[in-house]
Amino acid sequence: MPDELELLRRANPVPHDGPYFGDGPLDQRGEWRLDELLRPPRPTRRVPRARLLWGLAATGVVLATALAALVGGPNTQPALAAPRPLTVRADSTPVPLTRLAERAAAAADGSPRLRKGTHVQSWSLSMTDGKPPVTLPEERVVRWRADDSHTELVVATDPRRPGRPVLTDEGGDPRVVADGHVLSRATYPPSWSDAPPEAPPPHTPAALRAYLAETVRTEPLGTPRLLDAVGELLDHWTLGARESAALVRVLADAKGLRAVGQVTDRLGRPGQAYVYEGGGGRRMLILDPRTGTVLGLETTFTRDAPEYGVKAGDVMDYNAWMR
């Protein structure tokens, strides 16, 4: 029993100063530690650091070479190349969220209108113990009908390389498929709920903040959970001008979300970037500089995680929302 208790204390998947409440999801560090805790016991043989790093690099080279052979000739860039973190323009001037909220409020003339459904392009890092991580790009389109039924289409595509083969984990193992390959297509029967995020979001800041808190079941709503709630909201709704203006005002009141300057998002759109750091990750929210519309949300590692083959600066996930 003492050994197990000591293991729990060292793992500490829910630190007392963590950004989440006990009944909420763990932060990234907590997930790593909990995963480490639940793994089967391993031999205590130590591998020299230089040899371990060489082994990881060699494994990555073998996988990249195999994928390049599947995709095309020797000059073909392998499909598993992870996106680089977005870079803020050095000569740009950060726009405070309070000022952007004023712009969004002035632009909220009722057009465009709120629409149920979403169109999102995403990149996510697939991490498997003992294997090098790979980035999986996909696009999801959800459209609702007048009778409250809806369709969902998910395809493998990467706008960074139009028309090029794409890596996917369809079937449980990474493999290369053609650009636009349909991963799933479904039609769902009529359904309706009056609970967030299925219920229509309000368009006043106070009401929207309460809605977002209910979405992630957290009150008071700290900045990490607020960003989680924004992702949940945008995975269900395409916001109108009034809702976007209310959301920017809610974000302007959040603590720790700082303006860093101008970026070009992964779909080539200009945006203003706002960064929050904590829990082993760096989250960058990209907003339209005129209307405050959320364009994207990027999460990168700020610490190395050698057990997963990732290092500080690697992109964990990225979502780009479209109309």
C-alpha atoms as a PDB file:
ATOM      1  CA  MET A   1       0.000   0.000   0.000  1.00  0.00           C
ATOM      2  CA  PRO A   2       2.733   2.610   0.757  1.00  0.00           C
ATOM      3  CA  ASP A   3       4.114   2.124  -2.770  1.00  0.00           C
ATOM      4  CA  GLU A   4       0.726   2.810  -4.350  1.00  0.00           C
ATOM      5  CA  LEU A   5       0.180   5.895  -2.207  1.00  0.00           C
ATOM      6  CA  GLU A   6       3.583   7.259  -3.095  1.00  0.00           C
ATOM      7  CA  LEU A   7       2.847   6.666  -6.795  1.00  0.00           C
ATOM      8  CA  LEU A   8      -0.392   8.610  -6.479  1.00  0.00           C
ATOM      9  CA  ARG A   9       1.349  11.487  -4.734  1.00  0.00           C
ATOM     10  CA  ARG A  10       4.035  11.712  -7.408  1.00  0.00           C
ATOM     11  CA  ALA A  11       1.551  11.512 -10.279  1.00  0.00           C
ATOM     12  CA  ASN A  12      -0.792  14.113  -8.756  1.00  0.00           C
ATOM     13  CA  PRO A  13      -3.112  14.316 -11.793  1.00  0.00           C
ATOM     14  CA  VAL A  14      -5.259  16.976 -10.066  1.00  0.00           C
ATOM     15  CA  PRO A  15      -2.926  19.554  -8.459  1.00  0.00           C
ATOM     16  CA  HIS A  16      -4.456  21.956  -5.929  1.00  0.00           C
ATOM     17  CA  ASP A  17      -3.501  24.932  -8.096  1.00  0.00           C
ATOM     18  CA  GLY A  18      -4.806  23.472 -11.360  1.00  0.00           C
ATOM     19  CA  PRO A  19      -7.081  25.630 -13.556  1.00  0.00           C
ATOM     20  CA  TYR A  20     -10.021  23.218 -13.388  1.00  0.00           C
ATOM     21  CA  PHE A  21     -12.422  22.269 -10.635  1.00  0.00           C
ATOM     22  CA  GLY A  22     -12.404  18.770  -9.284  1.00  0.00           C
ATOM     23  CA  ASP A  23     -15.506  17.748 -11.241  1.00  0.00           C
ATOM     24  CA  GLY A  24     -14.237  19.189 -14.531  1.00  0.00           C
ATOM     25  CA  PRO A  25     -11.800  17.791 -17.106  1.00  0.00           C
ATOM     26  CA  LEU A  26      -8.102  17.585 -16.291  1.00  0.00           C
ATOM     27  CA  ASP A  27      -5.591  19.961 -17.782  1.00  0.00           C
ATOM     28  CA  GLN A  28      -2.960  18.582 -20.174  1.00  0.00           C
ATOM     29  CA  ARG A  29      -0.425  17.907 -17.417  1.00  0.00           C
ATOM     30  CA  GLY A  30      -3.049  16.055 -15.406  1.00  0.00           C
ATOM     31  CA  GLU A  31      -3.986  13.903 -18.402  1.00  0.00           C
ATOM     32  CA  TRP A  32      -0.349  12.957 -18.978  1.00  0.00           C
ATOM     33  CA  ARG A  33       0.180  12.066 -15.325  1.00  0.00           C
ATOM     34  CA  LEU A  34      -3.045  10.107 -15.054  1.00  0.00           C
ATOM     35  CA  ASP A  35      -2.214   8.214 -18.233  1.00  0.00           C
ATOM     36  CA  GLU A  36       1.234   7.426 -16.817  1.00  0.00           C
ATOM     37  CA  LEU A  37      -0.359   6.221 -13.586  1.00  0.00           C
ATOM     38  CA  LEU A  38      -2.742   3.850 -15.377  1.00  0.00           C
ATOM     39  CA  ARG A  39      -0.123   2.247 -17.587  1.00  0.00           C
ATOM     40  CA  PRO A  40       1.044  -1.323 -16.780  1.00  0.00           C
ATOM     41  CA  PRO A  41       4.295  -1.531 -14.804  1.00  0.00           C
ATOM     42  CA  ARG A  42       7.397  -1.332 -16.992  1.00  0.00           C
ATOM     43  CA  PRO A  43      10.954  -2.514 -16.415  1.00  0.00           C
ATOM     44  CA  THR A  44      13.138   0.014 -14.636  1.00  0.00           C
ATOM     45  CA  ARG A  45      16.014  -0.364 -17.129  1.00  0.00           C
ATOM     46  CA  ARG A  46      17.245   3.120 -18.005  1.00  0.00           C
ATOM     47  CA  VAL A  47      18.043   4.077 -21.572  1.00  0.00           C
ATOM     48  CA  PRO A  48      20.742   6.724 -22.105  1.00  0.00           C
ATOM     49  CA  ARG A  49      19.167  10.029 -23.154  1.00  0.00           C
ATOM     50  CA  ALA A  50      21.173  10.342 -26.362  1.00  0.00           C
ATOM     51  CA  ARG A  51      20.198   6.818 -27.429  1.00  0.00           C
ATOM     52  CA  LEU A  52      16.525   7.441 -26.591  1.00  0.00           C
ATOM     53  CA  LEU A  53      16.387  10.631 -28.671  1.00  0.00           C
ATOM     54  CA  TRP A  54      18.175   8.910 -31.540  1.00  0.00           C
ATOM     55  CA  GLY A  55      15.659   6.059 -31.398  1.00  0.00           C
ATOM     56  CA  LEU A  56      12.680   8.438 -31.525  1.00  0.00           C
ATOM     57  CA  ALA A  57      14.209  10.309 -34.456  1.00  0.00           C
ATOM     58  CA  ALA A  58      14.926   7.068 -36.309  1.00  0.00           C
ATOM     59  CA  THR A  59      11.349   5.867 -35.792  1.00  0.00           C
ATOM     60  CA  GLY A  60      10.030   9.161 -37.162  1.00  0.00           C
ATOM     61  CA  VAL A  61      12.285   8.919 -40.215  1.00  0.00           C
ATOM     62  CA  VAL A  62      11.111   5.381 -40.961  1.00  0.00           C
ATOM     63  CA  LEU A  63       7.426   6.381 -40.735  1.00  0.00           C
ATOM     64  CA  ALA A  64       7.941   9.522 -42.826  1.00  0.00           C
ATOM     65  CA  THR A  65       9.837   7.553 -45.478  1.00  0.00           C
ATOM     66  CA  ALA A  66       7.102   4.925 -45.681  1.00  0.00           C
ATOM     67  CA  LEU A  67       4.382   7.549 -46.041  1.00  0.00           C
ATOM     68  CA  ALA A  68       6.372   9.466 -48.650  1.00  0.00           C
ATOM     69  CA  ALA A  69       6.642   6.275 -50.653  1.00  0.00           C
ATOM     70  CA  LEU A  70       2.860   5.847 -50.490  1.00  0.00           C
ATOM     71  CA  VAL A  71       2.168   9.443 -51.452  1.00  0.00           C
ATOM     72  CA  GLY A  72       4.580   9.934 -54.306  1.00  0.00           C
ATOM     73  CA  GLY A  73       8.188  10.347 -55.397  1.00  0.00           C
ATOM     74  CA  PRO A  74      11.249  11.488 -53.472  1.00  0.00           C
ATOM     75  CA  ASN A  75      10.305  15.186 -53.752  1.00  0.00           C
ATOM     76  CA  THR A  76       6.858  14.687 -52.232  1.00  0.00           C
ATOM     77  CA  GLN A  77       6.391  16.244 -48.791  1.00  0.00           C
ATOM     78  CA  PRO A  78       5.064  13.578 -46.406  1.00  0.00           C
ATOM     79  CA  ALA A  79       1.422  13.936 -45.458  1.00  0.00           C
ATOM     80  CA  LEU A  80       2.093  13.663 -41.721  1.00  0.00           C
ATOM     81  CA  ALA A  81       3.975  16.992 -41.487  1.00  0.00           C
ATOM     82  CA  ALA A  82       2.576  18.800 -38.445  1.00  0.00           C
ATOM     83  CA  PRO A  83       1.472  22.411 -38.809  1.00  0.00           C
ATOM     84  CA  ARG A  84       3.844  24.962 -37.374  1.00  0.00           C
ATOM     85  CA  PRO A  85       2.465  27.275 -34.659  1.00  0.00           C
ATOM     86  CA  LEU A  86       0.970  30.448 -36.053  1.00  0.00           C
ATOM     87  CA  THR A  87       3.429  33.341 -36.088  1.00  0.00           C
ATOM     88  CA  VAL A  88       2.466  36.830 -34.987  1.00  0.00           C
ATOM     89  CA  ARG A  89       3.641  39.571 -37.323  1.00  0.00           C
ATOM     90  CA  ALA A  90       6.515  41.358 -35.642  1.00  0.00           C
ATOM     91  CA  ASP A  91       5.522  44.755 -37.040  1.00  0.00           C
ATOM     92  CA  SER A  92       1.852  44.493 -36.056  1.00  0.00           C
ATOM     93  CA  THR A  93       0.147  46.426 -33.263  1.00  0.00           C
ATOM     94  CA  PRO A  94      -1.947  44.376 -30.802  1.00  0.00           C
ATOM     95  CA  VAL A  95      -5.591  45.441 -30.620  1.00  0.00           C
ATOM     96  CA  PRO A  96      -6.986  45.234 -27.068  1.00  0.00           C
ATOM     97  CA  LEU A  97     -10.089  43.078 -26.706  1.00  0.00           C
ATOM     98  CA  THR A  98     -12.006  46.035 -25.292  1.00  0.00           C
ATOM     99  CA  ARG A  99     -11.390  47.989 -28.498  1.00  0.00           C
ATOM    100  CA  LEU A 100     -12.290  45.007 -30.671  1.00  0.00           C
ATOM    101  CA  ALA A 101     -15.490  44.600 -28.652  1.00  0.00           C
ATOM    102  CA  GLU A 102     -16.399  48.192 -29.533  1.00  0.00           C
ATOM    103  CA  ARG A 103     -15.781  47.494 -33.228  1.00  0.00           C
ATOM    104  CA  ALA A 104     -17.872  44.327 -33.077  1.00  0.00           C
ATOM    105  CA  ALA A 105     -20.740  46.145 -31.366  1.00  0.00           C
ATOM    106  CA  ALA A 106     -20.678  48.853 -34.052  1.00  0.00           C
ATOM    107  CA  ALA A 107     -20.745  46.182 -36.784  1.00  0.00           C
ATOM    108  CA  ALA A 108     -23.602  44.197 -35.196  1.00  0.00           C
ATOM    109  CA  ASP A 109     -26.385  45.374 -37.511  1.00  0.00           C
ATOM    110  CA  GLY A 110     -28.177  42.007 -37.501  1.00  0.00           C
ATOM    111  CA  SER A 111     -26.348  40.584 -40.513  1.00  0.00           C
ATOM    112  CA  PRO A 112     -25.167  37.880 -40.767  1.00  0.00           C
ATOM    113  CA  ARG A 113     -27.702  36.016 -38.651  1.00  0.00           C
ATOM    114  CA  LEU A 114     -27.267  33.152 -36.214  1.00  0.00           C
ATOM    115  CA  ARG A 115     -27.391  29.729 -37.882  1.00  0.00           C
ATOM    116  CA  LYS A 116     -27.502  26.295 -36.304  1.00  0.00           C
ATOM    117  CA  GLY A 117     -24.767  24.014 -37.600  1.00  0.00           C
ATOM    118  CA  THR A 118     -21.045  24.407 -38.180  1.00  0.00           C
ATOM    119  CA  HIS A 119     -18.312  24.232 -40.796  1.00  0.00           C
ATOM    120  CA  VAL A 120     -14.918  23.608 -39.230  1.00  0.00           C
ATOM    121  CA  GLN A 121     -11.473  22.573 -40.429  1.00  0.00           C
ATOM    122  CA  SER A 122      -9.389  20.906 -37.736  1.00  0.00           C
ATOM    123  CA  TRP A 123      -5.929  19.515 -37.129  1.00  0.00           C
ATOM    124  CA  SER A 124      -5.344  17.274 -34.131  1.00  0.00           C
ATOM    125  CA  LEU A 125      -2.244  15.520 -32.856  1.00  0.00           C
ATOM    126  CA  SER A 126      -2.721  11.771 -32.434  1.00  0.00           C
ATOM    127  CA  MET A 127      -0.460  10.508 -29.645  1.00  0.00           C
ATOM    128  CA  THR A 128       0.054   6.812 -29.012  1.00  0.00           C
ATOM    129  CA  ASP A 129       2.454   5.396 -26.444  1.00  0.00           C
ATOM    130  CA  GLY A 130       5.510   4.016 -28.195  1.00  0.00           C
ATOM    131  CA  LYS A 131       4.760   5.595 -31.579  1.00  0.00           C
ATOM    132  CA  PRO A 132       5.672   9.005 -33.006  1.00  0.00           C
ATOM    133  CA  PRO A 133       2.778  11.489 -32.977  1.00  0.00           C
ATOM    134  CA  VAL A 134       1.032  12.329 -36.242  1.00  0.00           C
ATOM    135  CA  THR A 135      -1.234  15.241 -37.187  1.00  0.00           C
ATOM    136  CA  LEU A 136      -4.633  14.320 -38.610  1.00  0.00           C
ATOM    137  CA  PRO A 137      -6.477  16.999 -40.637  1.00  0.00           C
ATOM    138  CA  GLU A 138     -10.197  16.827 -41.363  1.00  0.00           C
ATOM    139  CA  GLU A 139     -13.159  19.004 -42.275  1.00  0.00           C
ATOM    140  CA  ARG A 140     -16.637  18.699 -40.768  1.00  0.00           C
ATOM    141  CA  VAL A 141     -19.855  20.229 -42.074  1.00  0.00           C
ATOM    142  CA  VAL A 142     -23.076  20.018 -40.020  1.00  0.00           C
ATOM    143  CA  ARG A 143     -26.290  21.359 -41.546  1.00  0.00           C
ATOM    144  CA  TRP A 144     -29.714  21.498 -39.855  1.00  0.00           C
ATOM    145  CA  ARG A 145     -33.057  21.268 -41.673  1.00  0.00           C
ATOM    146  CA  ALA A 146     -36.383  22.941 -40.985  1.00  0.00           C
ATOM    147  CA  ASP A 147     -37.760  19.762 -39.338  1.00  0.00           C
ATOM    148  CA  ASP A 148     -34.843  19.735 -36.793  1.00  0.00           C
ATOM    149  CA  SER A 149     -33.099  16.828 -38.477  1.00  0.00           C
ATOM    150  CA  HIS A 150     -29.484  17.346 -39.507  1.00  0.00           C
ATOM    151  CA  THR A 151     -26.670  15.939 -41.609  1.00  0.00           C
ATOM    152  CA  GLU A 152     -22.984  15.587 -40.809  1.00  0.00           C
ATOM    153  CA  LEU A 153     -20.229  15.129 -43.377  1.00  0.00           C
ATOM    154  CA  VAL A 154     -16.594  14.535 -42.350  1.00  0.00           C
ATOM    155  CA  VAL A 155     -13.836  14.397 -44.959  1.00  0.00           C
ATOM    156  CA  ALA A 156     -10.063  14.092 -44.831  1.00  0.00           C
ATOM    157  CA  THR A 157      -8.571  17.240 -46.335  1.00  0.00           C
ATOM    158  CA  ASP A 158      -5.780  19.702 -45.646  1.00  0.00           C
ATOM    159  CA  PRO A 159      -5.997  23.167 -47.236  1.00  0.00           C
ATOM    160  CA  ARG A 160      -2.253  23.586 -46.723  1.00  0.00           C
ATOM    161  CA  ARG A 161      -1.794  21.045 -49.519  1.00  0.00           C
ATOM    162  CA  PRO A 162      -4.820  21.223 -51.868  1.00  0.00           C
ATOM    163  CA  GLY A 163      -5.337  18.051 -53.814  1.00  0.00           C
ATOM    164  CA  ARG A 164      -2.567  16.182 -51.998  1.00  0.00           C
ATOM    165  CA  PRO A 165      -3.073  12.887 -50.131  1.00  0.00           C
ATOM    166  CA  VAL A 166      -3.994  13.175 -46.461  1.00  0.00           C
ATOM    167  CA  LEU A 167      -3.098  11.155 -43.384  1.00  0.00           C
ATOM    168  CA  THR A 168      -5.995   9.717 -41.374  1.00  0.00           C
ATOM    169  CA  ASP A 169      -6.437   7.210 -38.553  1.00  0.00           C
ATOM    170  CA  GLU A 170      -9.525   5.671 -40.135  1.00  0.00           C
ATOM    171  CA  GLY A 171      -9.703   2.066 -38.963  1.00  0.00           C
ATOM    172  CA  GLY A 172      -7.444   2.695 -35.980  1.00  0.00           C
ATOM    173  CA  ASP A 173      -4.081   2.931 -37.770  1.00  0.00           C
ATOM    174  CA  PRO A 174      -2.615   5.944 -39.595  1.00  0.00           C
ATOM    175  CA  ARG A 175      -2.894   5.574 -43.355  1.00  0.00           C
ATOM    176  CA  VAL A 176      -2.849   7.818 -46.397  1.00  0.00           C
ATOM    177  CA  VAL A 177      -6.075   8.565 -48.273  1.00  0.00           C
ATOM    178  CA  ALA A 178      -6.982  10.817 -51.202  1.00  0.00           C
ATOM    179  CA  ASP A 179      -7.789  14.473 -50.545  1.00  0.00           C
ATOM    180  CA  GLY A 180     -11.532  14.774 -49.894  1.00  0.00           C
ATOM    181  CA  HIS A 181     -11.894  11.135 -48.830  1.00  0.00           C
ATOM    182  CA  VAL A 182     -15.199  10.761 -46.952  1.00  0.00           C
ATOM    183  CA  LEU A 183     -14.578   9.583 -43.394  1.00  0.00           C
ATOM    184  CA  SER A 184     -18.252   9.581 -42.402  1.00  0.00           C
ATOM    185  CA  ARG A 185     -21.598  10.740 -43.720  1.00  0.00           C
ATOM    186  CA  ALA A 186     -24.728  10.582 -41.563  1.00  0.00           C
ATOM    187  CA  THR A 187     -28.284  11.915 -41.337  1.00  0.00           C
ATOM    188  CA  TYR A 188     -29.846  12.269 -37.907  1.00  0.00           C
ATOM    189  CA  PRO A 189     -33.589  12.326 -37.107  1.00  0.00           C
ATOM    190  CA  PRO A 190     -35.314  15.412 -35.671  1.00  0.00           C
ATOM    191  CA  SER A 191     -34.093  16.371 -32.202  1.00  0.00           C
ATOM    192  CA  TRP A 192     -34.267  19.422 -29.996  1.00  0.00           C
ATOM    193  CA  SER A 193     -32.921  20.527 -26.618  1.00  0.00           C
ATOM    194  CA  ASP A 194     -33.291  23.651 -24.513  1.00  0.00           C
ATOM    195  CA  ALA A 195     -29.913  23.128 -22.798  1.00  0.00           C
ATOM    196  CA  PRO A 196     -26.628  24.669 -23.999  1.00  0.00           C
ATOM    197  CA  PRO A 197     -24.931  24.197 -26.385  1.00  0.00           C
ATOM    198  CA  GLU A 198     -27.932  22.829 -28.343  1.00  0.00           C
ATOM    199  CA  ALA A 199     -30.187  25.723 -27.301  1.00  0.00           C
ATOM    200  CA  PRO A 200     -29.781  28.969 -29.273  1.00  0.00           C
ATOM    201  CA  PRO A 201     -27.138  31.224 -27.695  1.00  0.00           C
ATOM    202  CA  PRO A 202     -28.280  34.656 -26.453  1.00  0.00           C
ATOM    203  CA  HIS A 203     -26.910  37.895 -27.889  1.00  0.00           C
ATOM    204  CA  THR A 204     -26.286  39.925 -24.738  1.00  0.00           C
ATOM    205  CA  PRO A 205     -22.946  39.565 -22.882  1.00  0.00           C
ATOM    206  CA  ALA A 206     -24.344  38.690 -19.441  1.00  0.00           C
ATOM    207  CA  ALA A 207     -26.759  36.086 -20.797  1.00  0.00           C
ATOM    208  CA  LEU A 208     -24.136  34.622 -23.106  1.00  0.00           C
ATOM    209  CA  ARG A 209     -21.651  34.302 -20.273  1.00  0.00           C
ATOM    210  CA  ALA A 210     -24.204  32.364 -18.213  1.00  0.00           C
ATOM    211  CA  TYR A 211     -24.939  30.205 -21.267  1.00  0.00           C
ATOM    212  CA  LEU A 212     -21.241  29.389 -21.702  1.00  0.00           C
ATOM    213  CA  ALA A 213     -20.863  28.569 -17.998  1.00  0.00           C
ATOM    214  CA  GLU A 214     -23.774  26.144 -18.306  1.00  0.00           C
ATOM    215  CA  THR A 215     -22.232  24.656 -21.454  1.00  0.00           C
ATOM    216  CA  VAL A 216     -19.144  23.509 -19.538  1.00  0.00           C
ATOM    217  CA  ARG A 217     -20.942  23.235 -16.174  1.00  0.00           C
ATOM    218  CA  THR A 218     -18.492  25.555 -14.449  1.00  0.00           C
ATOM    219  CA  GLU A 219     -19.159  28.591 -12.331  1.00  0.00           C
ATOM    220  CA  PRO A 220     -17.287  30.841 -11.803  1.00  0.00           C
ATOM    221  CA  LEU A 221     -16.152  30.602 -15.412  1.00  0.00           C
ATOM    222  CA  GLY A 222     -12.351  30.904 -15.585  1.00  0.00           C
ATOM    223  CA  THR A 223     -10.537  31.661 -18.828  1.00  0.00           C
ATOM    224  CA  PRO A 224      -9.444  28.066 -19.662  1.00  0.00           C
ATOM    225  CA  ARG A 225     -13.017  26.803 -19.327  1.00  0.00           C
ATOM    226  CA  LEU A 226     -14.331  29.850 -21.184  1.00  0.00           C
ATOM    227  CA  LEU A 227     -12.147  28.925 -24.169  1.00  0.00           C
ATOM    228  CA  ASP A 228     -13.411  25.336 -23.925  1.00  0.00           C
ATOM    229  CA  ALA A 229     -16.965  26.649 -23.967  1.00  0.00           C
ATOM    230  CA  VAL A 230     -16.259  28.833 -27.016  1.00  0.00           C
ATOM    231  CA  GLY A 231     -15.097  25.739 -28.897  1.00  0.00           C
ATOM    232  CA  GLU A 232     -18.226  23.843 -27.853  1.00  0.00           C
ATOM    233  CA  LEU A 233     -20.440  26.727 -28.930  1.00  0.00           C
ATOM    234  CA  LEU A 234     -18.823  27.052 -32.355  1.00  0.00           C
ATOM    235  CA  ASP A 235     -19.005  23.309 -32.936  1.00  0.00           C
ATOM    236  CA  HIS A 236     -22.802  23.659 -32.738  1.00  0.00           C
ATOM    237  CA  TRP A 237     -23.595  27.160 -34.020  1.00  0.00           C
ATOM    238  CA  THR A 238     -22.398  29.624 -36.643  1.00  0.00           C
ATOM    239  CA  LEU A 239     -22.729  32.922 -34.803  1.00  0.00           C
ATOM    240  CA  GLY A 240     -24.444  35.975 -36.185  1.00  0.00           C
ATOM    241  CA  ALA A 241     -23.138  39.522 -35.834  1.00  0.00           C
ATOM    242  CA  ARG A 242     -24.940  40.193 -32.540  1.00  0.00           C
ATOM    243  CA  GLU A 243     -23.805  36.936 -30.928  1.00  0.00           C
ATOM    244  CA  SER A 244     -20.201  37.532 -32.052  1.00  0.00           C
ATOM    245  CA  ALA A 245     -20.268  41.029 -30.550  1.00  0.00           C
ATOM    246  CA  ALA A 246     -21.565  39.644 -27.242  1.00  0.00           C
ATOM    247  CA  LEU A 247     -18.889  36.942 -27.244  1.00  0.00           C
ATOM    248  CA  VAL A 248     -16.050  39.451 -27.766  1.00  0.00           C
ATOM    249  CA  ARG A 249     -17.351  41.463 -24.806  1.00  0.00           C
ATOM    250  CA  VAL A 250     -17.328  38.294 -22.645  1.00  0.00           C
ATOM    251  CA  LEU A 251     -13.754  37.551 -23.791  1.00  0.00           C
ATOM    252  CA  ALA A 252     -12.708  41.141 -23.036  1.00  0.00           C
ATOM    253  CA  ASP A 253     -13.693  40.594 -19.403  1.00  0.00           C
ATOM    254  CA  ALA A 254     -11.669  37.354 -19.132  1.00  0.00           C
ATOM    255  CA  LYS A 255      -8.449  37.383 -17.120  1.00  0.00           C
ATOM    256  CA  GLY A 256      -5.106  36.385 -18.635  1.00  0.00           C
ATOM    257  CA  LEU A 257      -6.145  36.635 -22.279  1.00  0.00           C
ATOM    258  CA  ARG A 258      -3.651  39.088 -23.782  1.00  0.00           C
ATOM    259  CA  ALA A 259      -3.455  40.703 -27.201  1.00  0.00           C
ATOM    260  CA  VAL A 260      -0.287  39.770 -29.129  1.00  0.00           C
ATOM    261  CA  GLY A 261      -0.789  41.161 -32.645  1.00  0.00           C
ATOM    262  CA  GLN A 262      -1.807  40.214 -36.157  1.00  0.00           C
ATOM    263  CA  VAL A 263      -1.659  36.719 -37.643  1.00  0.00           C
ATOM    264  CA  THR A 264      -2.754  35.023 -40.841  1.00  0.00           C
ATOM    265  CA  ASP A 265      -4.794  31.964 -39.972  1.00  0.00           C
ATOM    266  CA  ARG A 266      -4.471  28.555 -41.625  1.00  0.00           C
ATOM    267  CA  LEU A 267      -7.103  29.425 -44.196  1.00  0.00           C
ATOM    268  CA  GLY A 268      -5.291  32.609 -45.223  1.00  0.00           C
ATOM    269  CA  ARG A 269      -7.564  35.009 -43.317  1.00  0.00           C
ATOM    270  CA  PRO A 270      -6.137  38.016 -41.441  1.00  0.00           C
ATOM    271  CA  GLY A 271      -6.883  38.045 -37.730  1.00  0.00           C
ATOM    272  CA  GLN A 272      -5.963  39.475 -34.353  1.00  0.00           C
ATOM    273  CA  ALA A 273      -4.454  36.956 -31.917  1.00  0.00           C
ATOM    274  CA  TYR A 274      -5.093  36.688 -28.171  1.00  0.00           C
ATOM    275  CA  VAL A 275      -3.091  34.259 -26.042  1.00  0.00           C
ATOM    276  CA  TYR A 276      -3.692  32.455 -22.750  1.00  0.00           C
ATOM    277  CA  GLU A 277      -0.975  30.296 -21.162  1.00  0.00           C
ATOM    278  CA  GLY A 278      -1.408  27.745 -18.400  1.00  0.00           C
ATOM    279  CA  GLY A 279      -1.599  24.054 -17.610  1.00  0.00           C
ATOM    280  CA  GLY A 280       1.305  23.149 -19.898  1.00  0.00           C
ATOM    281  CA  GLY A 281      -0.367  24.657 -22.972  1.00  0.00           C
ATOM    282  CA  ARG A 282      -0.610  27.900 -24.917  1.00  0.00           C
ATOM    283  CA  ARG A 283      -3.973  28.728 -26.444  1.00  0.00           C
ATOM    284  CA  MET A 284      -4.229  31.296 -29.196  1.00  0.00           C
ATOM    285  CA  LEU A 285      -7.641  32.665 -30.127  1.00  0.00           C
ATOM    286  CA  ILE A 286      -7.841  34.328 -33.555  1.00  0.00           C
ATOM    287  CA  LEU A 287     -10.577  36.918 -34.127  1.00  0.00           C
ATOM    288  CA  ASP A 288     -11.655  38.846 -37.211  1.00  0.00           C
ATOM    289  CA  PRO A 289     -10.149  42.356 -36.766  1.00  0.00           C
ATOM    290  CA  ARG A 290     -13.339  44.097 -37.983  1.00  0.00           C
ATOM    291  CA  THR A 291     -16.249  42.076 -36.607  1.00  0.00           C
ATOM    292  CA  GLY A 292     -14.751  40.070 -33.740  1.00  0.00           C
ATOM    293  CA  THR A 293     -15.893  36.795 -35.337  1.00  0.00           C
ATOM    294  CA  VAL A 294     -13.905  33.826 -33.996  1.00  0.00           C
ATOM    295  CA  LEU A 295     -11.775  32.457 -36.835  1.00  0.00           C
ATOM    296  CA  GLY A 296      -9.695  29.865 -35.025  1.00  0.00           C
ATOM    297  CA  LEU A 297      -8.294  28.436 -31.816  1.00  0.00           C
ATOM    298  CA  GLU A 298      -4.828  26.888 -31.592  1.00  0.00           C
ATOM    299  CA  THR A 299      -3.334  24.927 -28.701  1.00  0.00           C
ATOM    300  CA  THR A 300       0.408  24.297 -28.494  1.00  0.00           C
ATOM    301  CA  PHE A 301       2.569  22.547 -25.918  1.00  0.00           C
ATOM    302  CA  THR A 302       4.705  24.798 -23.734  1.00  0.00           C
ATOM    303  CA  ARG A 303       6.609  21.902 -22.152  1.00  0.00           C
ATOM    304  CA  ASP A 304       8.259  18.805 -23.565  1.00  0.00           C
ATOM    305  CA  ALA A 305       6.372  15.535 -23.136  1.00  0.00           C
ATOM    306  CA  PRO A 306       8.937  12.916 -24.195  1.00  0.00           C
ATOM    307  CA  GLU A 307       6.638  10.040 -23.242  1.00  0.00           C
ATOM    308  CA  TYR A 308       4.402  11.143 -26.132  1.00  0.00           C
ATOM    309  CA  GLY A 309       7.186  12.204 -28.476  1.00  0.00           C
ATOM    310  CA  VAL A 310       6.202  15.890 -28.389  1.00  0.00           C
ATOM    311  CA  LYS A 311       8.153  18.980 -27.446  1.00  0.00           C
ATOM    312  CA  ALA A 312       7.418  22.556 -26.511  1.00  0.00           C
ATOM    313  CA  GLY A 313       6.043  24.442 -29.500  1.00  0.00           C
ATOM    314  CA  ASP A 314       4.322  21.471 -31.143  1.00  0.00           C
ATOM    315  CA  VAL A 315       0.703  22.111 -32.166  1.00  0.00           C
ATOM    316  CA  MET A 316      -1.656  19.936 -30.138  1.00  0.00           C
ATOM    317  CA  ASP A 317      -4.799  20.924 -32.031  1.00  0.00           C
ATOM    318  CA  TYR A 318      -6.225  23.672 -34.195  1.00  0.00           C
ATOM    319  CA  ASN A 319      -9.765  24.558 -35.257  1.00  0.00           C
ATOM    320  CA  ALA A 320     -10.680  27.003 -38.039  1.00  0.00           C
ATOM    321  CA  TRP A 321     -14.376  27.895 -38.200  1.00  0.00           C
ATOM    322  CA  MET A 322     -16.056  29.079 -41.404  1.00  0.00           C
ATOM    323  CA  ARG A 323     -19.515  30.263 -42.406  1.00  0.00           C
END
